[in-house]
């Protein structure tokens, strides 16, 4: 799939949103899973003119989405994705949410079933600063990008970029494209093997197909 032109949006928008939005074709049918307050979905509806839908676990998030005029339902990605038929959407998005689900493998299988294309952004827990904190401090990493202590983090399953790629291979999903980012969501212009990306990237956006 050819990339659409770079989306022009405000500097206050989360960095991975800019990358995700740049992958989404205009006028496509989109489902945003774990859409939070609807910031990304709002961009896609306004700038990409998509037929956008969302699912959000928290009632507060759903309320904020409704205030934006978005079509969002309250639902749990671990339980409610089975309600959608095969190929119901052109693009399904899960941005910084997969690691917070109880069954990431099952959720990813469902995303690949209901979407022709799947966009997933994840934090990289194998980032070099995280490795250094574990090595020299012997404690779970806390960074500006991942500011949580071990006891209050929403992240249930910690994975690296290499872990995610291996899961995609296990599910026979094709990684069409990958964009690696720093903690602020800026693209890292590095062409390198996966083992290097797995060290220098704080997060990444993956475009997947069945």
N, C-alpha and C. Protein backbone atom coordinates (compact mmCIF):
# COMPACT_ATOMS: atom_id res chain seq x y z
N UNK A 1 0.84 -1.19 0.00
CA UNK A 1 0.00 0.00 0.00
C UNK A 1 0.87 1.24 0.00
N UNK A 2 0.60 2.16 -0.89
CA UNK A 2 1.35 3.41 -0.93
C UNK A 2 0.94 4.29 0.23
N UNK A 3 1.89 4.97 0.83
CA UNK A 3 1.60 5.85 1.95
C UNK A 3 0.91 7.10 1.45
N UNK A 4 -0.02 7.59 2.26
CA UNK A 4 -0.65 8.87 1.95
C UNK A 4 0.29 9.99 2.35
N UNK A 5 -0.03 11.20 1.96
CA UNK A 5 0.84 12.33 2.27
C UNK A 5 0.89 12.60 3.76
N UNK A 6 1.99 13.22 4.19
CA UNK A 6 2.19 13.49 5.61
C UNK A 6 1.07 14.37 6.16
N UNK A 7 0.48 13.94 7.26
CA UNK A 7 -0.63 14.67 7.86
C UNK A 7 -0.10 15.89 8.60
N UNK A 8 -0.71 17.03 8.38
CA UNK A 8 -0.32 18.27 9.07
C UNK A 8 -1.26 18.48 10.24
N UNK A 9 -0.70 18.33 11.44
CA UNK A 9 -1.50 18.47 12.65
C UNK A 9 -0.67 19.18 13.70
N UNK A 10 -1.31 19.53 14.81
CA UNK A 10 -0.65 20.31 15.84
C UNK A 10 0.44 19.56 16.56
N UNK A 11 1.35 20.31 17.19
CA UNK A 11 2.46 19.72 17.89
C UNK A 11 2.04 19.02 19.17
N UNK A 12 0.82 19.27 19.65
CA UNK A 12 0.37 18.68 20.89
C UNK A 12 -0.17 17.27 20.69
N UNK A 13 -0.22 16.79 19.47
CA UNK A 13 -0.72 15.46 19.20
C UNK A 13 0.38 14.44 19.42
N UNK A 14 0.04 13.33 20.06
CA UNK A 14 1.01 12.29 20.37
C UNK A 14 1.73 11.82 19.11
N UNK A 15 3.03 11.61 19.22
CA UNK A 15 3.85 11.32 18.05
C UNK A 15 3.43 10.11 17.26
N UNK A 16 3.07 9.02 17.93
CA UNK A 16 2.70 7.83 17.17
C UNK A 16 1.38 8.04 16.44
N UNK A 17 0.54 8.98 16.91
CA UNK A 17 -0.69 9.30 16.19
C UNK A 17 -0.38 9.85 14.79
N UNK A 18 0.66 10.69 14.71
CA UNK A 18 1.02 11.27 13.42
C UNK A 18 1.41 10.17 12.43
N UNK A 19 2.14 9.19 12.93
CA UNK A 19 2.59 8.09 12.06
C UNK A 19 1.41 7.20 11.67
N UNK A 20 0.59 6.85 12.65
CA UNK A 20 -0.57 6.01 12.38
C UNK A 20 -1.48 6.68 11.35
N UNK A 21 -1.77 7.96 11.57
CA UNK A 21 -2.67 8.67 10.66
C UNK A 21 -2.12 8.71 9.24
N UNK A 22 -0.82 8.76 9.11
CA UNK A 22 -0.20 8.84 7.79
C UNK A 22 -0.38 7.54 7.00
N UNK A 23 -0.63 6.45 7.68
CA UNK A 23 -0.84 5.16 7.03
C UNK A 23 -2.30 4.96 6.57
N UNK A 24 -3.23 5.70 7.15
CA UNK A 24 -4.65 5.43 6.93
C UNK A 24 -5.14 6.08 5.64
N UNK A 25 -5.67 5.31 4.70
CA UNK A 25 -6.17 5.89 3.44
C UNK A 25 -7.42 6.74 3.69
N UNK A 26 -7.58 7.77 2.91
CA UNK A 26 -8.76 8.63 3.03
C UNK A 26 -10.03 7.83 2.70
N UNK A 27 -11.07 8.12 3.46
CA UNK A 27 -12.37 7.51 3.21
C UNK A 27 -12.51 6.06 3.62
N UNK A 28 -11.51 5.51 4.29
CA UNK A 28 -11.57 4.09 4.67
C UNK A 28 -12.45 3.87 5.89
N UNK A 29 -12.85 2.62 6.08
CA UNK A 29 -13.62 2.22 7.26
C UNK A 29 -12.62 1.84 8.35
N UNK A 30 -12.69 2.57 9.47
CA UNK A 30 -11.66 2.44 10.50
C UNK A 30 -12.29 2.11 11.85
N UNK A 31 -11.66 1.19 12.57
CA UNK A 31 -12.03 0.89 13.96
C UNK A 31 -10.81 1.13 14.83
N UNK A 32 -10.94 2.01 15.83
CA UNK A 32 -9.86 2.33 16.76
C UNK A 32 -10.17 1.65 18.09
N UNK A 33 -9.37 0.64 18.43
CA UNK A 33 -9.58 -0.12 19.67
C UNK A 33 -8.76 0.50 20.80
N UNK A 34 -9.42 0.77 21.93
CA UNK A 34 -8.74 1.45 23.03
C UNK A 34 -8.48 2.89 22.66
N UNK A 35 -9.51 3.56 22.16
CA UNK A 35 -9.33 4.89 21.56
C UNK A 35 -9.19 6.01 22.58
N UNK A 36 -9.27 5.71 23.88
CA UNK A 36 -9.05 6.74 24.89
C UNK A 36 -10.04 7.87 24.79
N UNK A 37 -9.52 9.11 24.73
CA UNK A 37 -10.40 10.28 24.65
C UNK A 37 -10.80 10.62 23.22
N UNK A 38 -10.36 9.78 22.25
CA UNK A 38 -10.78 9.98 20.86
C UNK A 38 -9.89 10.90 20.06
N UNK A 39 -8.71 11.26 20.59
CA UNK A 39 -7.85 12.22 19.90
C UNK A 39 -7.44 11.73 18.51
N UNK A 40 -7.00 10.47 18.41
CA UNK A 40 -6.58 9.94 17.12
C UNK A 40 -7.77 9.77 16.18
N UNK A 41 -8.85 9.23 16.68
CA UNK A 41 -10.03 9.02 15.85
C UNK A 41 -10.57 10.34 15.33
N UNK A 42 -10.51 11.37 16.15
CA UNK A 42 -10.97 12.70 15.73
C UNK A 42 -10.14 13.22 14.57
N UNK A 43 -8.83 13.02 14.65
CA UNK A 43 -7.94 13.43 13.56
C UNK A 43 -8.29 12.69 12.27
N UNK A 44 -8.51 11.39 12.39
CA UNK A 44 -8.80 10.58 11.20
C UNK A 44 -10.13 10.99 10.56
N UNK A 45 -11.12 11.28 11.38
CA UNK A 45 -12.43 11.69 10.85
C UNK A 45 -12.32 13.05 10.17
N UNK A 46 -11.62 13.97 10.80
CA UNK A 46 -11.54 15.33 10.26
C UNK A 46 -10.58 15.44 9.07
N UNK A 47 -9.40 14.82 9.19
CA UNK A 47 -8.36 15.02 8.19
C UNK A 47 -8.37 13.94 7.10
N UNK A 48 -8.74 12.73 7.45
CA UNK A 48 -8.74 11.63 6.49
C UNK A 48 -10.15 11.30 5.98
N UNK A 49 -11.15 11.93 6.62
CA UNK A 49 -12.54 11.72 6.25
C UNK A 49 -12.92 10.23 6.26
N UNK A 50 -12.44 9.54 7.28
CA UNK A 50 -12.74 8.12 7.38
C UNK A 50 -14.13 7.91 7.96
N UNK A 51 -14.66 6.73 7.74
CA UNK A 51 -15.87 6.27 8.44
C UNK A 51 -15.36 5.61 9.71
N UNK A 52 -15.26 6.41 10.77
CA UNK A 52 -14.55 5.98 11.97
C UNK A 52 -15.46 5.49 13.08
N UNK A 53 -15.03 4.40 13.72
CA UNK A 53 -15.70 3.84 14.89
C UNK A 53 -14.64 3.60 15.95
N UNK A 54 -15.07 3.55 17.21
CA UNK A 54 -14.12 3.31 18.28
C UNK A 54 -14.68 2.40 19.35
N UNK A 55 -13.75 1.78 20.09
CA UNK A 55 -14.10 0.99 21.27
C UNK A 55 -13.17 1.43 22.40
N UNK A 56 -13.74 1.72 23.56
CA UNK A 56 -12.95 2.18 24.70
C UNK A 56 -13.49 1.53 25.96
N UNK A 57 -12.56 1.09 26.82
CA UNK A 57 -12.94 0.39 28.04
C UNK A 57 -13.52 1.33 29.09
N UNK A 58 -12.93 2.50 29.26
CA UNK A 58 -13.35 3.39 30.34
C UNK A 58 -14.56 4.23 29.95
N UNK A 59 -15.49 4.40 30.88
CA UNK A 59 -16.66 5.22 30.62
C UNK A 59 -16.26 6.68 30.43
N UNK A 60 -15.26 7.12 31.16
CA UNK A 60 -14.79 8.50 31.02
C UNK A 60 -14.28 8.74 29.60
N UNK A 61 -13.53 7.78 29.08
CA UNK A 61 -13.04 7.90 27.72
C UNK A 61 -14.17 7.94 26.71
N UNK A 62 -15.15 7.07 26.89
CA UNK A 62 -16.31 7.06 25.99
C UNK A 62 -17.03 8.40 26.02
N UNK A 63 -17.20 8.95 27.22
CA UNK A 63 -17.87 10.25 27.34
C UNK A 63 -17.13 11.35 26.59
N UNK A 64 -15.80 11.35 26.69
CA UNK A 64 -15.00 12.37 26.00
C UNK A 64 -15.11 12.20 24.48
N UNK A 65 -15.16 10.94 24.04
CA UNK A 65 -15.31 10.69 22.60
C UNK A 65 -16.66 11.20 22.11
N UNK A 66 -17.70 10.94 22.88
CA UNK A 66 -19.04 11.38 22.50
C UNK A 66 -19.10 12.90 22.45
N UNK A 67 -18.41 13.57 23.38
CA UNK A 67 -18.36 15.03 23.37
C UNK A 67 -17.71 15.56 22.09
N UNK A 68 -16.82 14.77 21.51
CA UNK A 68 -16.18 15.14 20.24
C UNK A 68 -17.08 14.82 19.04
N UNK A 69 -18.21 14.17 19.29
CA UNK A 69 -19.10 13.79 18.21
C UNK A 69 -18.70 12.49 17.52
N UNK A 70 -17.92 11.64 18.20
CA UNK A 70 -17.43 10.39 17.62
C UNK A 70 -18.35 9.23 17.95
N UNK A 71 -18.34 8.24 17.07
CA UNK A 71 -19.14 7.03 17.27
C UNK A 71 -18.29 5.99 17.99
N UNK A 72 -18.46 5.91 19.31
CA UNK A 72 -17.62 5.05 20.15
C UNK A 72 -18.50 4.27 21.12
N UNK A 73 -18.19 3.00 21.30
CA UNK A 73 -18.91 2.16 22.25
C UNK A 73 -17.97 1.74 23.38
N UNK A 74 -18.54 1.46 24.52
CA UNK A 74 -17.74 0.93 25.62
C UNK A 74 -17.57 -0.57 25.42
N UNK A 75 -16.33 -1.03 25.50
CA UNK A 75 -16.08 -2.44 25.29
C UNK A 75 -14.68 -2.82 25.72
N UNK A 76 -14.48 -4.13 25.88
CA UNK A 76 -13.22 -4.71 26.33
C UNK A 76 -12.61 -5.48 25.17
N UNK A 77 -11.40 -5.11 24.76
CA UNK A 77 -10.76 -5.78 23.62
C UNK A 77 -10.55 -7.26 23.87
N UNK A 78 -10.39 -7.65 25.13
CA UNK A 78 -10.19 -9.07 25.45
C UNK A 78 -11.46 -9.89 25.27
N UNK A 79 -12.61 -9.25 25.26
CA UNK A 79 -13.87 -10.00 25.25
C UNK A 79 -14.80 -9.66 24.09
N UNK A 80 -14.79 -8.43 23.60
CA UNK A 80 -15.85 -7.95 22.73
C UNK A 80 -15.52 -7.89 21.24
N UNK A 81 -14.29 -8.17 20.86
CA UNK A 81 -13.94 -8.13 19.44
C UNK A 81 -14.60 -9.25 18.65
N UNK A 82 -14.98 -10.31 19.31
CA UNK A 82 -15.64 -11.42 18.62
C UNK A 82 -17.00 -11.02 18.06
N UNK A 83 -17.54 -9.89 18.51
CA UNK A 83 -18.84 -9.43 18.01
C UNK A 83 -18.77 -8.88 16.58
N UNK A 84 -17.56 -8.56 16.12
CA UNK A 84 -17.41 -7.98 14.78
C UNK A 84 -17.21 -9.09 13.74
N UNK A 85 -17.84 -8.96 12.57
CA UNK A 85 -17.68 -9.97 11.51
C UNK A 85 -16.32 -9.88 10.84
N UNK A 86 -15.94 -10.92 10.13
CA UNK A 86 -14.67 -10.95 9.39
C UNK A 86 -14.63 -9.80 8.37
N UNK A 87 -13.47 -9.13 8.29
CA UNK A 87 -13.28 -8.09 7.29
C UNK A 87 -14.23 -6.92 7.40
N UNK A 88 -14.67 -6.61 8.62
CA UNK A 88 -15.66 -5.54 8.81
C UNK A 88 -15.07 -4.16 8.54
N UNK A 89 -13.74 -4.02 8.63
CA UNK A 89 -13.11 -2.70 8.49
C UNK A 89 -11.92 -2.77 7.55
N UNK A 90 -11.66 -1.65 6.89
CA UNK A 90 -10.46 -1.56 6.06
C UNK A 90 -9.21 -1.51 6.92
N UNK A 91 -9.29 -0.76 8.01
CA UNK A 91 -8.15 -0.58 8.91
C UNK A 91 -8.62 -0.70 10.35
N UNK A 92 -7.93 -1.51 11.14
CA UNK A 92 -8.16 -1.59 12.58
C UNK A 92 -6.90 -1.09 13.28
N UNK A 93 -7.09 -0.23 14.27
CA UNK A 93 -5.97 0.42 14.96
C UNK A 93 -5.98 0.04 16.44
N UNK A 94 -4.79 -0.28 16.95
CA UNK A 94 -4.62 -0.43 18.39
C UNK A 94 -3.33 0.28 18.76
N UNK A 95 -3.46 1.46 19.34
CA UNK A 95 -2.32 2.33 19.60
C UNK A 95 -1.95 2.34 21.08
N UNK A 96 -0.78 1.78 21.39
CA UNK A 96 -0.26 1.74 22.76
C UNK A 96 -1.22 1.05 23.73
N UNK A 97 -1.90 0.01 23.27
CA UNK A 97 -2.91 -0.65 24.09
C UNK A 97 -2.71 -2.15 24.18
N UNK A 98 -2.09 -2.76 23.17
CA UNK A 98 -1.97 -4.22 23.12
C UNK A 98 -1.30 -4.78 24.37
N UNK A 99 -0.26 -4.10 24.87
CA UNK A 99 0.48 -4.59 26.03
C UNK A 99 -0.34 -4.50 27.32
N UNK A 100 -1.47 -3.77 27.27
CA UNK A 100 -2.32 -3.64 28.44
C UNK A 100 -3.49 -4.63 28.44
N UNK A 101 -3.57 -5.47 27.40
CA UNK A 101 -4.63 -6.48 27.35
C UNK A 101 -4.17 -7.74 28.06
N UNK A 102 -5.14 -8.57 28.45
CA UNK A 102 -4.81 -9.81 29.15
C UNK A 102 -4.33 -10.89 28.20
N UNK A 103 -4.80 -10.86 26.95
CA UNK A 103 -4.45 -11.89 25.97
C UNK A 103 -4.01 -11.22 24.67
N UNK A 104 -2.79 -10.67 24.62
CA UNK A 104 -2.34 -9.96 23.42
C UNK A 104 -2.40 -10.82 22.16
N UNK A 105 -2.03 -12.08 22.26
CA UNK A 105 -2.05 -12.95 21.08
C UNK A 105 -3.48 -13.11 20.55
N UNK A 106 -4.41 -13.39 21.44
CA UNK A 106 -5.80 -13.54 21.02
C UNK A 106 -6.37 -12.26 20.47
N UNK A 107 -6.02 -11.13 21.07
CA UNK A 107 -6.51 -9.83 20.60
C UNK A 107 -5.96 -9.54 19.21
N UNK A 108 -4.67 -9.80 19.00
CA UNK A 108 -4.08 -9.55 17.69
C UNK A 108 -4.70 -10.44 16.62
N UNK A 109 -5.01 -11.68 16.98
CA UNK A 109 -5.70 -12.57 16.04
C UNK A 109 -7.04 -11.97 15.63
N UNK A 110 -7.76 -11.42 16.58
CA UNK A 110 -9.06 -10.82 16.28
C UNK A 110 -8.91 -9.57 15.41
N UNK A 111 -7.89 -8.76 15.68
CA UNK A 111 -7.65 -7.57 14.87
C UNK A 111 -7.40 -7.96 13.42
N UNK A 112 -6.60 -8.99 13.22
CA UNK A 112 -6.28 -9.45 11.86
C UNK A 112 -7.50 -10.07 11.18
N UNK A 113 -8.41 -10.57 11.95
CA UNK A 113 -9.63 -11.16 11.39
C UNK A 113 -10.61 -10.09 10.91
N UNK A 114 -10.77 -9.03 11.69
CA UNK A 114 -11.82 -8.06 11.37
C UNK A 114 -11.33 -6.90 10.51
N UNK A 115 -10.00 -6.76 10.36
CA UNK A 115 -9.46 -5.67 9.55
C UNK A 115 -8.64 -6.18 8.37
N UNK A 116 -8.80 -5.55 7.22
CA UNK A 116 -7.95 -5.89 6.07
C UNK A 116 -6.50 -5.51 6.37
N UNK A 117 -6.33 -4.40 7.06
CA UNK A 117 -5.01 -3.98 7.53
C UNK A 117 -5.11 -3.64 9.02
N UNK A 118 -4.01 -3.84 9.71
CA UNK A 118 -3.97 -3.58 11.16
C UNK A 118 -2.78 -2.68 11.46
N UNK A 119 -3.03 -1.62 12.21
CA UNK A 119 -1.97 -0.73 12.67
C UNK A 119 -1.83 -0.87 14.18
N UNK A 120 -0.65 -1.27 14.62
CA UNK A 120 -0.39 -1.46 16.04
C UNK A 120 0.84 -0.64 16.42
N UNK A 121 0.71 0.18 17.46
CA UNK A 121 1.88 0.84 18.02
C UNK A 121 2.11 0.30 19.42
N UNK A 122 3.39 0.04 19.74
CA UNK A 122 3.72 -0.56 21.03
C UNK A 122 4.97 0.12 21.60
N UNK A 123 5.09 0.14 22.94
CA UNK A 123 6.35 0.56 23.54
C UNK A 123 7.35 -0.58 23.47
N UNK A 124 8.62 -0.23 23.39
CA UNK A 124 9.68 -1.23 23.31
C UNK A 124 10.37 -1.33 24.67
N UNK A 125 10.08 -2.41 25.39
CA UNK A 125 10.66 -2.56 26.72
C UNK A 125 12.12 -3.00 26.68
N UNK A 126 12.65 -3.26 25.47
CA UNK A 126 14.06 -3.62 25.32
C UNK A 126 14.91 -2.41 24.94
N UNK A 127 14.34 -1.22 25.01
CA UNK A 127 15.09 0.01 24.74
C UNK A 127 16.32 0.06 25.65
N UNK A 128 17.42 0.62 25.14
CA UNK A 128 18.70 0.51 25.83
C UNK A 128 18.69 1.11 27.23
N UNK A 129 17.95 2.21 27.44
CA UNK A 129 17.92 2.79 28.78
C UNK A 129 17.22 1.86 29.77
N UNK A 130 16.18 1.17 29.30
CA UNK A 130 15.52 0.19 30.16
C UNK A 130 16.47 -0.94 30.54
N UNK A 131 17.27 -1.39 29.57
CA UNK A 131 18.24 -2.44 29.84
C UNK A 131 19.26 -1.99 30.88
N UNK A 132 19.70 -0.73 30.77
CA UNK A 132 20.70 -0.22 31.70
C UNK A 132 20.15 -0.12 33.11
N UNK A 133 18.89 0.31 33.24
CA UNK A 133 18.31 0.39 34.58
C UNK A 133 18.21 -0.98 35.23
N UNK A 134 17.83 -1.96 34.45
CA UNK A 134 17.76 -3.32 34.99
C UNK A 134 19.15 -3.84 35.36
N UNK A 135 20.12 -3.56 34.48
CA UNK A 135 21.46 -4.09 34.70
C UNK A 135 22.15 -3.45 35.89
N UNK A 136 22.10 -2.13 35.97
CA UNK A 136 22.90 -1.43 36.99
C UNK A 136 22.12 -1.10 38.26
N UNK A 137 20.80 -0.93 38.15
CA UNK A 137 20.01 -0.62 39.35
C UNK A 137 19.29 -1.84 39.89
N UNK A 138 19.10 -2.83 39.02
CA UNK A 138 18.40 -4.04 39.45
C UNK A 138 16.94 -3.80 39.76
N UNK A 139 16.36 -2.77 39.12
CA UNK A 139 14.96 -2.43 39.35
C UNK A 139 14.24 -2.28 38.03
N UNK A 140 12.91 -2.42 38.06
CA UNK A 140 12.12 -2.24 36.85
C UNK A 140 12.28 -0.82 36.35
N UNK A 141 12.46 -0.65 35.04
CA UNK A 141 12.74 0.67 34.48
C UNK A 141 11.59 1.66 34.66
N UNK A 142 11.96 2.91 34.93
CA UNK A 142 11.02 4.02 34.96
C UNK A 142 11.65 5.13 34.12
N UNK A 143 10.96 5.55 33.05
CA UNK A 143 11.48 6.58 32.17
C UNK A 143 10.41 7.65 31.93
N UNK A 144 10.78 8.73 31.24
CA UNK A 144 9.79 9.76 30.90
C UNK A 144 8.68 9.19 30.04
N UNK A 145 9.04 8.27 29.14
CA UNK A 145 8.05 7.67 28.25
C UNK A 145 7.24 6.60 28.96
N UNK A 146 7.85 5.86 29.89
CA UNK A 146 7.16 4.85 30.69
C UNK A 146 7.33 5.22 32.16
N UNK A 147 6.52 6.17 32.66
CA UNK A 147 6.75 6.75 33.97
C UNK A 147 6.17 5.98 35.15
N UNK A 148 5.74 4.75 34.92
CA UNK A 148 5.03 4.01 35.96
C UNK A 148 5.98 3.17 36.81
N UNK A 149 5.63 3.06 38.10
CA UNK A 149 6.29 2.08 38.95
C UNK A 149 5.70 0.70 38.65
N UNK A 150 6.41 -0.34 39.06
CA UNK A 150 5.98 -1.70 38.73
C UNK A 150 4.60 -2.02 39.28
N UNK A 151 4.21 -1.36 40.38
CA UNK A 151 2.96 -1.71 41.05
C UNK A 151 1.75 -0.92 40.52
N UNK A 152 1.98 0.12 39.70
CA UNK A 152 0.83 0.88 39.22
C UNK A 152 0.80 1.02 37.69
N UNK A 153 1.62 0.23 37.01
CA UNK A 153 1.65 0.32 35.55
C UNK A 153 0.41 -0.33 34.93
N UNK A 154 -0.14 0.29 33.87
CA UNK A 154 -1.26 -0.34 33.16
C UNK A 154 -0.79 -1.43 32.21
N UNK A 155 0.54 -1.53 32.04
CA UNK A 155 1.10 -2.50 31.10
C UNK A 155 1.22 -3.87 31.77
N UNK A 156 0.47 -4.84 31.25
CA UNK A 156 0.44 -6.17 31.83
C UNK A 156 1.51 -7.06 31.23
N UNK A 157 1.69 -6.96 29.92
CA UNK A 157 2.64 -7.82 29.20
C UNK A 157 3.74 -6.96 28.60
N UNK A 158 4.96 -7.16 29.06
CA UNK A 158 6.10 -6.40 28.57
C UNK A 158 6.72 -7.14 27.39
N UNK A 159 6.89 -6.44 26.27
CA UNK A 159 7.49 -7.09 25.11
C UNK A 159 8.44 -6.14 24.40
N UNK A 160 9.33 -6.72 23.63
CA UNK A 160 10.25 -5.96 22.80
C UNK A 160 9.72 -5.94 21.37
N UNK A 161 10.37 -5.16 20.51
CA UNK A 161 9.99 -5.16 19.10
C UNK A 161 10.21 -6.54 18.49
N UNK A 162 11.29 -7.20 18.87
CA UNK A 162 11.57 -8.54 18.35
C UNK A 162 10.52 -9.54 18.81
N UNK A 163 10.07 -9.41 20.05
CA UNK A 163 9.00 -10.28 20.55
C UNK A 163 7.74 -10.11 19.70
N UNK A 164 7.40 -8.87 19.38
CA UNK A 164 6.19 -8.60 18.61
C UNK A 164 6.31 -9.17 17.20
N UNK A 165 7.45 -8.99 16.57
CA UNK A 165 7.65 -9.52 15.23
C UNK A 165 7.53 -11.05 15.23
N UNK A 166 8.07 -11.70 16.25
CA UNK A 166 7.95 -13.16 16.35
C UNK A 166 6.50 -13.58 16.51
N UNK A 167 5.72 -12.80 17.27
CA UNK A 167 4.30 -13.10 17.41
C UNK A 167 3.59 -12.98 16.07
N UNK A 168 3.93 -11.95 15.32
CA UNK A 168 3.33 -11.79 13.98
C UNK A 168 3.65 -12.99 13.10
N UNK A 169 4.87 -13.46 13.16
CA UNK A 169 5.26 -14.63 12.37
C UNK A 169 4.46 -15.86 12.81
N UNK A 170 4.28 -16.01 14.12
CA UNK A 170 3.51 -17.14 14.63
C UNK A 170 2.07 -17.11 14.15
N UNK A 171 1.51 -15.90 14.03
CA UNK A 171 0.13 -15.74 13.57
C UNK A 171 0.03 -15.65 12.05
N UNK A 172 1.17 -15.80 11.37
CA UNK A 172 1.24 -15.73 9.90
C UNK A 172 0.73 -14.39 9.38
N UNK A 173 1.04 -13.34 10.14
CA UNK A 173 0.71 -11.97 9.72
C UNK A 173 1.94 -11.36 9.04
N UNK A 174 1.71 -10.62 7.97
CA UNK A 174 2.79 -9.97 7.24
C UNK A 174 3.04 -8.57 7.79
N UNK A 175 4.28 -8.29 8.17
CA UNK A 175 4.67 -6.94 8.57
C UNK A 175 4.97 -6.16 7.29
N UNK A 176 4.01 -5.34 6.86
CA UNK A 176 4.14 -4.59 5.61
C UNK A 176 5.11 -3.44 5.77
N UNK A 177 5.07 -2.77 6.91
CA UNK A 177 5.94 -1.62 7.13
C UNK A 177 6.10 -1.41 8.63
N UNK A 178 7.20 -0.80 9.01
CA UNK A 178 7.48 -0.48 10.41
C UNK A 178 8.12 0.89 10.49
N UNK A 179 7.68 1.70 11.46
CA UNK A 179 8.30 2.99 11.72
C UNK A 179 8.74 2.99 13.18
N UNK A 180 10.03 3.22 13.41
CA UNK A 180 10.53 3.26 14.79
C UNK A 180 10.61 4.71 15.26
N UNK A 181 10.34 4.90 16.57
CA UNK A 181 10.20 6.24 17.13
C UNK A 181 10.95 6.36 18.44
N UNK A 182 11.28 7.61 18.80
CA UNK A 182 11.82 7.86 20.13
C UNK A 182 10.67 8.08 21.10
N UNK A 183 10.97 8.46 22.33
CA UNK A 183 9.93 8.61 23.33
C UNK A 183 8.96 9.74 23.06
N UNK A 184 9.37 10.74 22.26
CA UNK A 184 8.50 11.86 21.91
C UNK A 184 7.70 11.59 20.64
N UNK A 185 7.89 10.43 20.05
CA UNK A 185 7.16 10.09 18.85
C UNK A 185 7.81 10.57 17.57
N UNK A 186 9.08 10.99 17.65
CA UNK A 186 9.82 11.40 16.46
C UNK A 186 10.40 10.19 15.75
N UNK A 187 10.32 10.20 14.42
CA UNK A 187 10.87 9.08 13.66
C UNK A 187 12.38 9.02 13.82
N UNK A 188 12.90 7.80 13.95
CA UNK A 188 14.34 7.59 14.02
C UNK A 188 14.81 7.14 12.64
N UNK A 189 15.55 8.00 11.92
CA UNK A 189 15.93 7.70 10.53
C UNK A 189 17.11 6.73 10.46
N UNK A 190 16.88 5.51 10.93
CA UNK A 190 17.95 4.52 10.96
C UNK A 190 17.52 3.30 10.15
N UNK A 191 18.32 2.94 9.18
CA UNK A 191 18.12 1.67 8.47
C UNK A 191 19.08 0.66 9.10
N UNK A 192 18.50 -0.33 9.75
CA UNK A 192 19.33 -1.25 10.52
C UNK A 192 18.62 -2.59 10.67
N UNK A 193 19.35 -3.63 11.05
CA UNK A 193 18.69 -4.91 11.32
C UNK A 193 17.83 -4.81 12.57
N UNK A 194 16.93 -5.79 12.73
CA UNK A 194 15.99 -5.76 13.84
C UNK A 194 16.67 -5.66 15.20
N UNK A 195 17.80 -6.34 15.36
CA UNK A 195 18.45 -6.33 16.68
C UNK A 195 18.87 -4.91 17.06
N UNK A 196 19.23 -4.10 16.06
CA UNK A 196 19.60 -2.72 16.36
C UNK A 196 18.37 -1.88 16.68
N UNK A 197 17.31 -2.02 15.89
CA UNK A 197 16.06 -1.31 16.18
C UNK A 197 15.56 -1.66 17.58
N UNK A 198 15.76 -2.90 17.96
CA UNK A 198 15.28 -3.37 19.25
C UNK A 198 16.02 -2.71 20.42
N UNK A 199 17.13 -2.05 20.11
CA UNK A 199 17.91 -1.35 21.13
C UNK A 199 17.62 0.15 21.12
N UNK A 200 17.53 0.75 19.94
CA UNK A 200 17.48 2.22 19.85
C UNK A 200 16.08 2.81 19.86
N UNK A 201 15.04 1.99 19.60
CA UNK A 201 13.67 2.53 19.52
C UNK A 201 12.98 2.46 20.88
N UNK A 202 12.27 3.52 21.24
CA UNK A 202 11.44 3.49 22.44
C UNK A 202 10.03 3.01 22.14
N UNK A 203 9.63 3.14 20.88
CA UNK A 203 8.31 2.68 20.46
C UNK A 203 8.35 2.45 18.96
N UNK A 204 7.31 1.80 18.44
CA UNK A 204 7.26 1.55 17.00
C UNK A 204 5.82 1.40 16.57
N UNK A 205 5.57 1.69 15.29
CA UNK A 205 4.26 1.49 14.67
C UNK A 205 4.42 0.44 13.59
N UNK A 206 3.56 -0.59 13.62
CA UNK A 206 3.59 -1.68 12.66
C UNK A 206 2.34 -1.66 11.80
N UNK A 207 2.52 -1.81 10.49
CA UNK A 207 1.41 -2.03 9.58
C UNK A 207 1.40 -3.50 9.21
N UNK A 208 0.27 -4.17 9.51
CA UNK A 208 0.16 -5.62 9.32
C UNK A 208 -0.95 -5.96 8.36
N UNK A 209 -0.80 -7.09 7.68
CA UNK A 209 -1.86 -7.66 6.87
C UNK A 209 -1.91 -9.15 7.13
N UNK A 210 -3.08 -9.74 6.89
CA UNK A 210 -3.23 -11.19 7.04
C UNK A 210 -2.43 -11.91 5.97
